[in-house]
Amino acid sequence: MPIVLFRVDERLIHGQVVVGWGGPLHADRIVVADDPIAASPWEQELYCLGVPPEIEASFLSVDEALAQMPGWRADASHRTIVLVRDVATVARMAADGGLRGDEVNLGGIHHAEGRTRVLPYLHLNADEVAQLRAAVGKGVTFSARDLPGSRRVPLEELAAGQ
């Protein structure tokens, strides 16, 4: 299981990801799949400030990340966390079967106009729920959990009121 966590989190790399998830999962690589950050060296430097030296951080476009995912899955020498910023990105990655068989963790998605609070750290709008359901049809499993020891909340429960 070389990809030890695939997470949607608006904050991308931050303490909860590095310490809260990275430590217990013994991650040694964090990959951010995000087109704007992949093109922004200064943003990459900022995100790297929160990464300890024993963890490798890389920033790829979504297409580059999709192309490299099979290699990360097969690479037993690294334990990788993949981060994306939003539901639209994970839906894009799932559209052509790129995440078939993967479980995606829904982490921090904050309040915004049109979004409904489904958990204290997770807000979704109807379009995002529809995108997640479409991705389920592509073989992806979704659940929410802010930390590894927290209760895993499956998408069906999250979307019950949507």
Protein backbone atom coordinates (compact mmCIF):
# COMPACT_ATOMS: atom_id res chain seq x y z
CA MET A 1 0.00 0.00 0.00
CA PRO A 2 2.51 2.65 -1.09
CA ILE A 3 -0.21 5.33 -1.42
CA VAL A 4 -1.14 5.40 2.23
CA LEU A 5 -3.55 8.33 2.02
CA PHE A 6 -5.34 10.15 -0.78
CA ARG A 7 -6.94 13.23 0.73
CA VAL A 8 -9.02 16.21 -0.36
CA ASP A 9 -8.05 19.14 1.86
CA GLU A 10 -8.27 22.82 0.95
CA ARG A 11 -5.25 23.59 3.10
CA LEU A 12 -3.13 20.93 1.37
CA ILE A 13 0.08 20.58 3.43
CA HIS A 14 -0.42 21.62 7.06
CA GLY A 15 0.19 20.22 10.53
CA GLN A 16 -2.79 17.89 10.59
CA VAL A 17 -1.60 16.23 7.39
CA VAL A 18 2.12 16.13 8.22
CA VAL A 19 1.91 15.17 11.90
CA GLY A 20 -1.62 13.84 12.34
CA TRP A 21 -1.62 11.58 9.29
CA GLY A 22 1.98 11.42 8.15
CA GLY A 23 3.33 10.22 11.50
CA PRO A 24 0.93 7.33 12.12
CA LEU A 25 1.06 6.27 8.47
CA HIS A 26 4.87 6.54 8.35
CA ALA A 27 4.64 8.61 5.18
CA ASP A 28 7.91 9.61 3.59
CA ARG A 29 6.52 11.40 0.54
CA ILE A 30 3.77 13.99 0.10
CA VAL A 31 2.58 14.78 -3.40
CA VAL A 32 0.34 17.77 -4.06
CA ALA A 33 -1.62 17.41 -7.30
CA ASP A 34 -2.66 20.95 -8.12
CA ASP A 35 -2.19 22.80 -11.41
CA PRO A 36 -1.74 26.35 -9.99
CA ILE A 37 0.75 25.28 -7.30
CA ALA A 38 2.67 23.08 -9.75
CA ALA A 39 3.31 26.29 -11.72
CA SER A 40 4.21 28.42 -8.68
CA PRO A 41 7.68 27.83 -7.18
CA TRP A 42 7.15 30.43 -4.43
CA GLU A 43 3.94 28.71 -3.24
CA GLN A 44 5.79 25.40 -3.25
CA GLU A 45 8.47 26.91 -1.03
CA LEU A 46 5.81 28.11 1.41
CA TYR A 47 4.20 24.68 1.63
CA CYS A 48 7.60 23.05 2.14
CA LEU A 49 8.15 25.13 5.29
CA GLY A 50 5.80 22.75 7.08
CA VAL A 51 7.43 19.57 5.86
CA PRO A 52 10.17 17.94 7.94
CA PRO A 53 13.37 16.99 6.07
CA GLU A 54 12.68 13.26 6.28
CA ILE A 55 9.57 13.71 4.13
CA GLU A 56 9.93 14.45 0.43
CA ALA A 57 7.42 16.92 -0.97
CA SER A 58 6.61 17.34 -4.62
CA PHE A 59 4.12 19.40 -6.56
CA LEU A 60 2.70 18.13 -9.81
CA SER A 61 -0.02 19.11 -12.21
CA VAL A 62 -3.08 16.92 -11.98
CA ASP A 63 -2.22 15.23 -15.28
CA GLU A 64 1.37 14.58 -14.14
CA ALA A 65 0.10 13.10 -10.88
CA LEU A 66 -2.34 10.84 -12.71
CA ALA A 67 0.46 9.61 -14.94
CA GLN A 68 2.68 8.82 -11.93
CA MET A 69 0.08 7.21 -9.67
CA PRO A 70 0.60 3.65 -10.96
CA GLY A 71 4.29 3.98 -10.10
CA TRP A 72 3.55 5.24 -6.59
CA ARG A 73 1.14 2.36 -6.03
CA ALA A 74 3.84 -0.11 -7.08
CA ASP A 75 6.70 1.59 -5.20
CA ALA A 76 7.12 -0.36 -1.98
CA SER A 77 10.07 1.82 -0.95
CA HIS A 78 7.93 4.95 -0.36
CA ARG A 79 4.76 5.57 1.62
CA THR A 80 3.00 8.36 -0.24
CA ILE A 81 0.29 10.82 0.72
CA VAL A 82 -1.47 12.40 -2.25
CA LEU A 83 -3.27 15.70 -1.63
CA VAL A 84 -5.71 17.59 -3.81
CA ARG A 85 -7.40 20.88 -3.01
CA ASP A 86 -11.01 20.24 -3.97
CA VAL A 87 -13.72 17.84 -5.04
CA ALA A 88 -13.52 19.00 -8.65
CA THR A 89 -9.91 17.83 -8.84
CA VAL A 90 -10.61 14.40 -7.38
CA ALA A 91 -13.61 14.08 -9.72
CA ARG A 92 -11.36 14.98 -12.64
CA MET A 93 -8.82 12.37 -11.57
CA ALA A 94 -11.54 9.73 -11.20
CA ALA A 95 -13.29 10.50 -14.49
CA ASP A 96 -11.22 8.19 -16.66
CA GLY A 97 -10.78 5.52 -14.02
CA GLY A 98 -7.56 7.00 -12.61
CA LEU A 99 -8.64 6.32 -9.04
CA ARG A 100 -10.47 3.01 -9.56
CA GLY A 101 -10.17 0.97 -6.40
CA ASP A 102 -8.85 3.86 -4.30
CA GLU A 103 -10.37 5.22 -1.11
CA VAL A 104 -10.28 9.01 -0.87
CA ASN A 105 -10.37 10.79 2.46
CA LEU A 106 -12.45 13.95 2.57
CA GLY A 107 -10.60 16.25 4.93
CA GLY A 108 -10.89 19.97 5.36
CA ILE A 109 -13.35 21.60 3.01
CA HIS A 110 -14.47 24.85 4.54
CA HIS A 111 -17.68 26.77 4.51
CA ALA A 112 -18.48 28.76 1.40
CA GLU A 113 -21.67 30.17 0.01
CA GLY A 114 -23.90 27.31 -1.11
CA ARG A 115 -22.11 24.68 0.95
CA THR A 116 -23.80 22.82 3.80
CA ARG A 117 -21.97 21.70 6.91
CA VAL A 118 -21.87 17.92 6.98
CA LEU A 119 -19.14 17.63 9.63
CA PRO A 120 -17.32 20.32 11.61
CA TYR A 121 -14.44 20.24 9.10
CA LEU A 122 -16.38 19.35 5.98
CA HIS A 123 -18.82 21.44 3.96
CA LEU A 124 -20.22 20.34 0.60
CA ASN A 125 -22.60 21.76 -1.95
CA ALA A 126 -24.98 19.77 -4.15
CA ASP A 127 -22.63 19.93 -7.13
CA GLU A 128 -19.74 18.53 -5.08
CA VAL A 129 -21.93 15.70 -3.79
CA ALA A 130 -22.97 14.93 -7.38
CA GLN A 131 -19.30 14.87 -8.44
CA LEU A 132 -18.45 12.50 -5.58
CA ARG A 133 -21.34 10.20 -6.50
CA ALA A 134 -20.17 10.20 -10.13
CA ALA A 135 -16.69 9.23 -8.95
CA VAL A 136 -18.18 6.38 -6.94
CA GLY A 137 -19.51 5.13 -10.27
CA LYS A 138 -15.89 5.08 -11.45
CA GLY A 139 -14.85 2.76 -8.64
CA VAL A 140 -13.75 5.27 -6.00
CA THR A 141 -14.72 5.00 -2.33
CA PHE A 142 -15.07 8.16 -0.23
CA SER A 143 -15.14 8.71 3.48
CA ALA A 144 -14.40 11.56 5.84
CA ARG A 145 -12.08 11.46 8.82
CA ASP A 146 -10.07 14.37 10.16
CA LEU A 147 -7.46 12.16 11.85
CA PRO A 148 -6.60 8.44 11.66
CA GLY A 149 -8.16 7.74 15.08
CA SER A 150 -11.43 9.48 14.27
CA ARG A 151 -14.57 7.71 13.19
CA ARG A 152 -14.65 6.98 9.45
CA VAL A 153 -17.81 8.52 7.99
CA PRO A 154 -18.77 6.97 4.64
CA LEU A 155 -20.02 9.12 1.76
CA GLU A 156 -23.48 7.58 1.97
CA GLU A 157 -23.85 8.97 5.48
CA LEU A 158 -22.34 12.34 4.52
CA ALA A 159 -24.62 12.79 1.53
CA ALA A 160 -27.80 11.55 3.21
CA GLY A 161 -29.12 15.07 3.67
CA GLN A 162 -27.99 16.44 0.32
